[in-house]
Amino acid sequence: MIRPLADRVVIQPKEAETKTASGLYIPDTAKEKPQQGTVVAAGPGRKDEPMEVKVGDVVLYGKFAGTEVSVDGVDYLIMKQSDILAVL
């Protein structure tokens, strides 16, 4: 497992939608990048900035936030806590 440092978090992105509300299937080339995910690991924080998110939180983040990594075939995002927009 990945252990983030300082104020970084590891997020497992939500799967992209494959079907619209009206029942149409979306091709892979037209799928939008998800902006929601679950925190799977969080660093200890910084002395002047404690961690506000914890493991298990569902969060919203910017479309181009974070760095994508793949560990054992599972895709994750590593980003700073400040890149998280909201906790759901």
PDB file of N, CA and C in Angstrom:
ATOM      1  N   MET A   1       0.849  -1.193   0.000  1.00  0.00           N
ATOM      2  CA  MET A   1       0.000   0.000   0.000  1.00  0.00           C
ATOM      3  C   MET A   1       0.882   1.239   0.000  1.00  0.00           C
ATOM      4  N   ILE A   2       0.322   2.301  -0.466  1.00  0.00           N
ATOM      5  CA  ILE A   2       1.032   3.579  -0.547  1.00  0.00           C
ATOM      6  C   ILE A   2       0.848   4.324   0.761  1.00  0.00           C
ATOM      7  N   ARG A   3       1.936   4.862   1.302  1.00  0.00           N
ATOM      8  CA  ARG A   3       1.873   5.665   2.526  1.00  0.00           C
ATOM      9  C   ARG A   3       2.267   7.091   2.162  1.00  0.00           C
ATOM     10  N   PRO A   4       1.305   8.012   2.074  1.00  0.00           N
ATOM     11  CA  PRO A   4       1.619   9.385   1.692  1.00  0.00           C
ATOM     12  C   PRO A   4       2.341  10.138   2.802  1.00  0.00           C
ATOM     13  N   LEU A   5       3.119  11.126   2.412  1.00  0.00           N
ATOM     14  CA  LEU A   5       3.876  11.936   3.348  1.00  0.00           C
ATOM     15  C   LEU A   5       3.224  13.306   3.529  1.00  0.00           C
ATOM     16  N   ALA A   6       3.496  13.939   4.644  1.00  0.00           N
ATOM     17  CA  ALA A   6       3.047  15.301   4.972  1.00  0.00           C
ATOM     18  C   ALA A   6       1.550  15.477   4.753  1.00  0.00           C
ATOM     19  N   ASP A   7       1.167  16.444   3.905  1.00  0.00           N
ATOM     20  CA  ASP A   7      -0.255  16.754   3.715  1.00  0.00           C
ATOM     21  C   ASP A   7      -0.818  16.141   2.432  1.00  0.00           C
ATOM     22  N   ARG A   8      -0.290  15.016   2.025  1.00  0.00           N
ATOM     23  CA  ARG A   8      -0.756  14.344   0.813  1.00  0.00           C
ATOM     24  C   ARG A   8      -1.781  13.254   1.166  1.00  0.00           C
ATOM     25  N   VAL A   9      -2.675  12.973   0.203  1.00  0.00           N
ATOM     26  CA  VAL A   9      -3.670  11.919   0.369  1.00  0.00           C
ATOM     27  C   VAL A   9      -3.665  11.034  -0.867  1.00  0.00           C
ATOM     28  N   VAL A  10      -4.050   9.777  -0.695  1.00  0.00           N
ATOM     29  CA  VAL A  10      -4.198   8.837  -1.798  1.00  0.00           C
ATOM     30  C   VAL A  10      -5.692   8.617  -1.980  1.00  0.00           C
ATOM     31  N   ILE A  11      -6.159   8.817  -3.215  1.00  0.00           N
ATOM     32  CA  ILE A  11      -7.579   8.721  -3.524  1.00  0.00           C
ATOM     33  C   ILE A  11      -7.801   7.665  -4.591  1.00  0.00           C
ATOM     34  N   GLN A  12      -8.819   6.831  -4.393  1.00  0.00           N
ATOM     35  CA  GLN A  12      -9.227   5.884  -5.426  1.00  0.00           C
ATOM     36  C   GLN A  12     -10.409   6.528  -6.155  1.00  0.00           C
ATOM     37  N   PRO A  13     -10.210   6.932  -7.428  1.00  0.00           N
ATOM     38  CA  PRO A  13     -11.277   7.616  -8.152  1.00  0.00           C
ATOM     39  C   PRO A  13     -12.487   6.729  -8.378  1.00  0.00           C
ATOM     40  N   LYS A  14     -13.645   7.353  -8.422  1.00  0.00           N
ATOM     41  CA  LYS A  14     -14.889   6.661  -8.738  1.00  0.00           C
ATOM     42  C   LYS A  14     -14.845   6.279 -10.221  1.00  0.00           C
ATOM     43  N   GLU A  15     -15.439   5.157 -10.556  1.00  0.00           N
ATOM     44  CA  GLU A  15     -15.478   4.714 -11.958  1.00  0.00           C
ATOM     45  C   GLU A  15     -16.272   5.705 -12.804  1.00  0.00           C
ATOM     46  N   ALA A  16     -15.828   5.927 -14.036  1.00  0.00           N
ATOM     47  CA  ALA A  16     -16.523   6.819 -14.954  1.00  0.00           C
ATOM     48  C   ALA A  16     -17.858   6.203 -15.350  1.00  0.00           C
ATOM     49  N   GLU A  17     -18.854   7.049 -15.551  1.00  0.00           N
ATOM     50  CA  GLU A  17     -20.191   6.593 -15.948  1.00  0.00           C
ATOM     51  C   GLU A  17     -20.125   5.936 -17.322  1.00  0.00           C
ATOM     52  N   THR A  18     -20.823   4.808 -17.483  1.00  0.00           N
ATOM     53  CA  THR A  18     -20.843   4.120 -18.770  1.00  0.00           C
ATOM     54  C   THR A  18     -22.183   4.275 -19.480  1.00  0.00           C
ATOM     55  N   LYS A  19     -23.183   4.803 -18.755  1.00  0.00           N
ATOM     56  CA  LYS A  19     -24.511   4.944 -19.331  1.00  0.00           C
ATOM     57  C   LYS A  19     -25.135   6.249 -18.845  1.00  0.00           C
ATOM     58  N   THR A  20     -25.824   6.943 -19.733  1.00  0.00           N
ATOM     59  CA  THR A  20     -26.486   8.185 -19.352  1.00  0.00           C
ATOM     60  C   THR A  20     -27.781   7.882 -18.604  1.00  0.00           C
ATOM     61  N   ALA A  21     -28.395   8.923 -18.058  1.00  0.00           N
ATOM     62  CA  ALA A  21     -29.655   8.753 -17.328  1.00  0.00           C
ATOM     63  C   ALA A  21     -30.773   8.257 -18.235  1.00  0.00           C
ATOM     64  N   SER A  22     -30.691   8.591 -19.528  1.00  0.00           N
ATOM     65  CA  SER A  22     -31.730   8.158 -20.461  1.00  0.00           C
ATOM     66  C   SER A  22     -31.476   6.758 -21.018  1.00  0.00           C
ATOM     67  N   GLY A  23     -30.344   6.140 -20.674  1.00  0.00           N
ATOM     68  CA  GLY A  23     -30.074   4.769 -21.071  1.00  0.00           C
ATOM     69  C   GLY A  23     -29.107   4.604 -22.216  1.00  0.00           C
ATOM     70  N   LEU A  24     -28.523   5.696 -22.705  1.00  0.00           N
ATOM     71  CA  LEU A  24     -27.546   5.604 -23.790  1.00  0.00           C
ATOM     72  C   LEU A  24     -26.172   5.228 -23.233  1.00  0.00           C
ATOM     73  N   TYR A  25     -25.464   4.353 -23.929  1.00  0.00           N
ATOM     74  CA  TYR A  25     -24.125   3.963 -23.503  1.00  0.00           C
ATOM     75  C   TYR A  25     -23.097   4.965 -24.012  1.00  0.00           C
ATOM     76  N   ILE A  26     -22.142   5.313 -23.164  1.00  0.00           N
ATOM     77  CA  ILE A  26     -21.113   6.291 -23.499  1.00  0.00           C
ATOM     78  C   ILE A  26     -19.870   5.539 -23.965  1.00  0.00           C
ATOM     79  N   PRO A  27     -19.331   5.860 -25.155  1.00  0.00           N
ATOM     80  CA  PRO A  27     -18.112   5.187 -25.605  1.00  0.00           C
ATOM     81  C   PRO A  27     -16.903   5.636 -24.774  1.00  0.00           C
ATOM     82  N   ASP A  28     -15.855   4.804 -24.744  1.00  0.00           N
ATOM     83  CA  ASP A  28     -14.669   5.105 -23.949  1.00  0.00           C
ATOM     84  C   ASP A  28     -14.047   6.448 -24.312  1.00  0.00           C
ATOM     85  N   THR A  29     -14.101   6.831 -25.573  1.00  0.00           N
ATOM     86  CA  THR A  29     -13.477   8.079 -26.011  1.00  0.00           C
ATOM     87  C   THR A  29     -14.235   9.313 -25.533  1.00  0.00           C
ATOM     88  N   ALA A  30     -15.491   9.173 -25.146  1.00  0.00           N
ATOM     89  CA  ALA A  30     -16.305  10.317 -24.728  1.00  0.00           C
ATOM     90  C   ALA A  30     -16.487  10.400 -23.219  1.00  0.00           C
ATOM     91  N   LYS A  31     -15.960   9.434 -22.476  1.00  0.00           N
ATOM     92  CA  LYS A  31     -16.130   9.449 -21.022  1.00  0.00           C
ATOM     93  C   LYS A  31     -15.335  10.596 -20.406  1.00  0.00           C
ATOM     94  N   GLU A  32     -15.942  11.239 -19.436  1.00  0.00           N
ATOM     95  CA  GLU A  32     -15.253  12.309 -18.724  1.00  0.00           C
ATOM     96  C   GLU A  32     -14.491  11.732 -17.539  1.00  0.00           C
ATOM     97  N   LYS A  33     -13.398  12.390 -17.212  1.00  0.00           N
ATOM     98  CA  LYS A  33     -12.580  11.985 -16.079  1.00  0.00           C
ATOM     99  C   LYS A  33     -13.371  12.228 -14.788  1.00  0.00           C
ATOM    100  N   PRO A  34     -13.447  11.226 -13.902  1.00  0.00           N
ATOM    101  CA  PRO A  34     -14.214  11.424 -12.660  1.00  0.00           C
ATOM    102  C   PRO A  34     -13.565  12.476 -11.762  1.00  0.00           C
ATOM    103  N   GLN A  35     -14.388  13.187 -11.007  1.00  0.00           N
ATOM    104  CA  GLN A  35     -13.902  14.207 -10.090  1.00  0.00           C
ATOM    105  C   GLN A  35     -14.298  13.878  -8.654  1.00  0.00           C
ATOM    106  N   GLN A  36     -14.590  12.625  -8.403  1.00  0.00           N
ATOM    107  CA  GLN A  36     -15.015  12.175  -7.085  1.00  0.00           C
ATOM    108  C   GLN A  36     -14.292  10.878  -6.776  1.00  0.00           C
ATOM    109  N   GLY A  37     -13.935  10.684  -5.518  1.00  0.00           N
ATOM    110  CA  GLY A  37     -13.265   9.457  -5.133  1.00  0.00           C
ATOM    111  C   GLY A  37     -13.269   9.267  -3.629  1.00  0.00           C
ATOM    112  N   THR A  38     -12.682   8.144  -3.208  1.00  0.00           N
ATOM    113  CA  THR A  38     -12.624   7.785  -1.795  1.00  0.00           C
ATOM    114  C   THR A  38     -11.190   7.851  -1.309  1.00  0.00           C
ATOM    115  N   VAL A  39     -10.973   8.460  -0.153  1.00  0.00           N
ATOM    116  CA  VAL A  39      -9.641   8.551   0.436  1.00  0.00           C
ATOM    117  C   VAL A  39      -9.268   7.170   0.983  1.00  0.00           C
ATOM    118  N   VAL A  40      -8.153   6.613   0.515  1.00  0.00           N
ATOM    119  CA  VAL A  40      -7.714   5.306   0.991  1.00  0.00           C
ATOM    120  C   VAL A  40      -6.502   5.405   1.917  1.00  0.00           C
ATOM    121  N   ALA A  41      -5.812   6.557   1.897  1.00  0.00           N
ATOM    122  CA  ALA A  41      -4.690   6.778   2.811  1.00  0.00           C
ATOM    123  C   ALA A  41      -4.462   8.277   2.938  1.00  0.00           C
ATOM    124  N   ALA A  42      -4.031   8.709   4.107  1.00  0.00           N
ATOM    125  CA  ALA A  42      -3.757  10.125   4.352  1.00  0.00           C
ATOM    126  C   ALA A  42      -2.471  10.251   5.153  1.00  0.00           C
ATOM    127  N   GLY A  43      -1.693  11.277   4.819  1.00  0.00           N
ATOM    128  CA  GLY A  43      -0.457  11.536   5.540  1.00  0.00           C
ATOM    129  C   GLY A  43      -0.742  12.127   6.919  1.00  0.00           C
ATOM    130  N   PRO A  44       0.306  12.351   7.706  1.00  0.00           N
ATOM    131  CA  PRO A  44       0.115  12.874   9.064  1.00  0.00           C
ATOM    132  C   PRO A  44      -0.206  14.354   9.133  1.00  0.00           C
ATOM    133  N   GLY A  45      -0.045  15.092   8.027  1.00  0.00           N
ATOM    134  CA  GLY A  45      -0.275  16.531   8.025  1.00  0.00           C
ATOM    135  C   GLY A  45       1.008  17.279   8.302  1.00  0.00           C
ATOM    136  N   ARG A  46       0.921  18.582   8.314  1.00  0.00           N
ATOM    137  CA  ARG A  46       2.068  19.438   8.626  1.00  0.00           C
ATOM    138  C   ARG A  46       1.841  20.083   9.988  1.00  0.00           C
ATOM    139  N   LYS A  47       2.909  20.606  10.547  1.00  0.00           N
ATOM    140  CA  LYS A  47       2.809  21.211  11.873  1.00  0.00           C
ATOM    141  C   LYS A  47       1.813  22.372  11.888  1.00  0.00           C
ATOM    142  N   ASP A  48       1.819  23.186  10.823  1.00  0.00           N
ATOM    143  CA  ASP A  48       0.935  24.347  10.762  1.00  0.00           C
ATOM    144  C   ASP A  48      -0.381  24.062  10.025  1.00  0.00           C
ATOM    145  N   GLU A  49      -0.557  22.824   9.502  1.00  0.00           N
ATOM    146  CA  GLU A  49      -1.769  22.475   8.759  1.00  0.00           C
ATOM    147  C   GLU A  49      -2.165  21.032   9.066  1.00  0.00           C
ATOM    148  N   PRO A  50      -3.056  20.827  10.030  1.00  0.00           N
ATOM    149  CA  PRO A  50      -3.478  19.452  10.353  1.00  0.00           C
ATOM    150  C   PRO A  50      -4.355  18.868   9.246  1.00  0.00           C
ATOM    151  N   MET A  51      -4.431  17.563   9.165  1.00  0.00           N
ATOM    152  CA  MET A  51      -5.248  16.897   8.154  1.00  0.00           C
ATOM    153  C   MET A  51      -6.729  17.034   8.505  1.00  0.00           C
ATOM    154  N   GLU A  52      -7.529  17.422   7.516  1.00  0.00           N
ATOM    155  CA  GLU A  52      -8.974  17.566   7.712  1.00  0.00           C
ATOM    156  C   GLU A  52      -9.741  16.388   7.127  1.00  0.00           C
ATOM    157  N   VAL A  53      -9.090  15.595   6.269  1.00  0.00           N
ATOM    158  CA  VAL A  53      -9.751  14.419   5.688  1.00  0.00           C
ATOM    159  C   VAL A  53      -9.186  13.167   6.336  1.00  0.00           C
ATOM    160  N   LYS A  54      -9.993  12.108   6.314  1.00  0.00           N
ATOM    161  CA  LYS A  54      -9.532  10.851   6.903  1.00  0.00           C
ATOM    162  C   LYS A  54      -9.874   9.715   5.947  1.00  0.00           C
ATOM    163  N   VAL A  55      -9.326   8.562   6.187  1.00  0.00           N
ATOM    164  CA  VAL A  55      -9.571   7.388   5.353  1.00  0.00           C
ATOM    165  C   VAL A  55     -11.067   7.075   5.336  1.00  0.00           C
ATOM    166  N   GLY A  56     -11.596   6.834   4.149  1.00  0.00           N
ATOM    167  CA  GLY A  56     -13.012   6.519   3.998  1.00  0.00           C
ATOM    168  C   GLY A  56     -13.865   7.692   3.556  1.00  0.00           C
ATOM    169  N   ASP A  57     -13.338   8.922   3.647  1.00  0.00           N
ATOM    170  CA  ASP A  57     -14.100  10.095   3.205  1.00  0.00           C
ATOM    171  C   ASP A  57     -14.276  10.069   1.687  1.00  0.00           C
ATOM    172  N   VAL A  58     -15.454  10.448   1.223  1.00  0.00           N
ATOM    173  CA  VAL A  58     -15.709  10.615  -0.208  1.00  0.00           C
ATOM    174  C   VAL A  58     -15.512  12.098  -0.497  1.00  0.00           C
ATOM    175  N   VAL A  59     -14.623  12.409  -1.447  1.00  0.00           N
ATOM    176  CA  VAL A  59     -14.226  13.792  -1.692  1.00  0.00           C
ATOM    177  C   VAL A  59     -14.414  14.175  -3.156  1.00  0.00           C
ATOM    178  N   LEU A  60     -14.517  15.483  -3.390  1.00  0.00           N
ATOM    179  CA  LEU A  60     -14.526  16.065  -4.724  1.00  0.00           C
ATOM    180  C   LEU A  60     -13.199  16.777  -4.920  1.00  0.00           C
ATOM    181  N   TYR A  61     -12.639  16.665  -6.122  1.00  0.00           N
ATOM    182  CA  TYR A  61     -11.358  17.308  -6.410  1.00  0.00           C
ATOM    183  C   TYR A  61     -11.396  17.873  -7.823  1.00  0.00           C
ATOM    184  N   GLY A  62     -10.435  18.723  -8.151  1.00  0.00           N
ATOM    185  CA  GLY A  62     -10.370  19.340  -9.469  1.00  0.00           C
ATOM    186  C   GLY A  62     -10.122  18.317 -10.566  1.00  0.00           C
ATOM    187  N   LYS A  63     -10.561  18.644 -11.778  1.00  0.00           N
ATOM    188  CA  LYS A  63     -10.467  17.713 -12.899  1.00  0.00           C
ATOM    189  C   LYS A  63      -9.035  17.294 -13.195  1.00  0.00           C
ATOM    190  N   PHE A  64      -8.074  18.209 -13.057  1.00  0.00           N
ATOM    191  CA  PHE A  64      -6.686  17.903 -13.389  1.00  0.00           C
ATOM    192  C   PHE A  64      -5.790  17.856 -12.154  1.00  0.00           C
ATOM    193  N   ALA A  65      -6.372  17.656 -10.982  1.00  0.00           N
ATOM    194  CA  ALA A  65      -5.611  17.621  -9.737  1.00  0.00           C
ATOM    195  C   ALA A  65      -4.939  16.272  -9.544  1.00  0.00           C
ATOM    196  N   GLY A  66      -3.807  16.285  -8.881  1.00  0.00           N
ATOM    197  CA  GLY A  66      -3.149  15.053  -8.480  1.00  0.00           C
ATOM    198  C   GLY A  66      -2.295  14.395  -9.542  1.00  0.00           C
ATOM    199  N   THR A  67      -1.604  13.371  -9.101  1.00  0.00           N
ATOM    200  CA  THR A  67      -0.738  12.562  -9.952  1.00  0.00           C
ATOM    201  C   THR A  67      -1.286  11.152  -9.982  1.00  0.00           C
ATOM    202  N   GLU A  68      -1.486  10.629 -11.186  1.00  0.00           N
ATOM    203  CA  GLU A  68      -2.034   9.280 -11.330  1.00  0.00           C
ATOM    204  C   GLU A  68      -0.935   8.244 -11.161  1.00  0.00           C
ATOM    205  N   VAL A  69      -1.209   7.221 -10.346  1.00  0.00           N
ATOM    206  CA  VAL A  69      -0.300   6.091 -10.166  1.00  0.00           C
ATOM    207  C   VAL A  69      -1.117   4.802 -10.216  1.00  0.00           C
ATOM    208  N   SER A  70      -0.452   3.718 -10.588  1.00  0.00           N
ATOM    209  CA  SER A  70      -1.105   2.420 -10.632  1.00  0.00           C
ATOM    210  C   SER A  70      -0.292   1.449  -9.786  1.00  0.00           C
ATOM    211  N   VAL A  71      -0.946   0.820  -8.821  1.00  0.00           N
ATOM    212  CA  VAL A  71      -0.294  -0.145  -7.937  1.00  0.00           C
ATOM    213  C   VAL A  71      -1.088  -1.445  -7.996  1.00  0.00           C
ATOM    214  N   ASP A  72      -0.442  -2.512  -8.385  1.00  0.00           N
ATOM    215  CA  ASP A  72      -1.081  -3.826  -8.504  1.00  0.00           C
ATOM    216  C   ASP A  72      -2.334  -3.777  -9.384  1.00  0.00           C
ATOM    217  N   GLY A  73      -2.287  -2.995 -10.449  1.00  0.00           N
ATOM    218  CA  GLY A  73      -3.401  -2.911 -11.383  1.00  0.00           C
ATOM    219  C   GLY A  73      -4.534  -2.009 -10.950  1.00  0.00           C
ATOM    220  N   VAL A  74      -4.421  -1.353  -9.823  1.00  0.00           N
ATOM    221  CA  VAL A  74      -5.460  -0.439  -9.335  1.00  0.00           C
ATOM    222  C   VAL A  74      -4.947   0.991  -9.498  1.00  0.00           C
ATOM    223  N   ASP A  75      -5.788   1.865 -10.069  1.00  0.00           N
ATOM    224  CA  ASP A  75      -5.402   3.258 -10.290  1.00  0.00           C
ATOM    225  C   ASP A  75      -5.737   4.109  -9.072  1.00  0.00           C
ATOM    226  N   TYR A  76      -4.793   4.971  -8.702  1.00  0.00           N
ATOM    227  CA  TYR A  76      -4.955   5.899  -7.583  1.00  0.00           C
ATOM    228  C   TYR A  76      -4.520   7.279  -8.019  1.00  0.00           C
ATOM    229  N   LEU A  77      -4.924   8.288  -7.241  1.00  0.00           N
ATOM    230  CA  LEU A  77      -4.449   9.652  -7.394  1.00  0.00           C
ATOM    231  C   LEU A  77      -3.768  10.060  -6.098  1.00  0.00           C
ATOM    232  N   ILE A  78      -2.618  10.694  -6.206  1.00  0.00           N
ATOM    233  CA  ILE A  78      -1.947  11.257  -5.032  1.00  0.00           C
ATOM    234  C   ILE A  78      -1.995  12.766  -5.193  1.00  0.00           C
ATOM    235  N   MET A  79      -2.532  13.454  -4.194  1.00  0.00           N
ATOM    236  CA  MET A  79      -2.636  14.907  -4.274  1.00  0.00           C
ATOM    237  C   MET A  79      -2.502  15.527  -2.896  1.00  0.00           C
ATOM    238  N   LYS A  80      -2.255  16.835  -2.881  1.00  0.00           N
ATOM    239  CA  LYS A  80      -2.197  17.569  -1.625  1.00  0.00           C
ATOM    240  C   LYS A  80      -3.615  17.753  -1.099  1.00  0.00           C
ATOM    241  N   GLN A  81      -3.713  17.873   0.205  1.00  0.00           N
ATOM    242  CA  GLN A  81      -5.009  18.103   0.831  1.00  0.00           C
ATOM    243  C   GLN A  81      -5.654  19.379   0.294  1.00  0.00           C
ATOM    244  N   SER A  82      -4.864  20.386  -0.046  1.00  0.00           N
ATOM    245  CA  SER A  82      -5.405  21.649  -0.547  1.00  0.00           C
ATOM    246  C   SER A  82      -6.045  21.517  -1.929  1.00  0.00           C
ATOM    247  N   ASP A  83      -5.756  20.422  -2.679  1.00  0.00           N
ATOM    248  CA  ASP A  83      -6.377  20.193  -3.986  1.00  0.00           C
ATOM    249  C   ASP A  83      -7.792  19.627  -3.859  1.00  0.00           C
ATOM    250  N   ILE A  84      -8.166  19.196  -2.666  1.00  0.00           N
ATOM    251  CA  ILE A  84      -9.511  18.653  -2.432  1.00  0.00           C
ATOM    252  C   ILE A  84     -10.470  19.832  -2.253  1.00  0.00           C
ATOM    253  N   LEU A  85     -11.576  19.783  -3.000  1.00  0.00           N
ATOM    254  CA  LEU A  85     -12.530  20.883  -2.967  1.00  0.00           C
ATOM    255  C   LEU A  85     -13.580  20.746  -1.875  1.00  0.00           C
ATOM    256  N   ALA A  86     -14.043  19.500  -1.635  1.00  0.00           N
ATOM    257  CA  ALA A  86     -15.106  19.289  -0.651  1.00  0.00           C
ATOM    258  C   ALA A  86     -15.143  17.846  -0.212  1.00  0.00           C
ATOM    259  N   VAL A  87     -15.689  17.625   0.981  1.00  0.00           N
ATOM    260  CA  VAL A  87     -15.939  16.282   1.503  1.00  0.00           C
ATOM    261  C   VAL A  87     -17.451  16.067   1.439  1.00  0.00           C
ATOM    262  N   LEU A  88     -17.864  14.962   0.845  1.00  0.00           N
ATOM    263  CA  LEU A  88     -19.306  14.686   0.725  1.00  0.00           C
ATOM    264  C   LEU A  88     -19.822  13.936   1.935  1.00  0.00           C
TER     265      LEU A  88
END
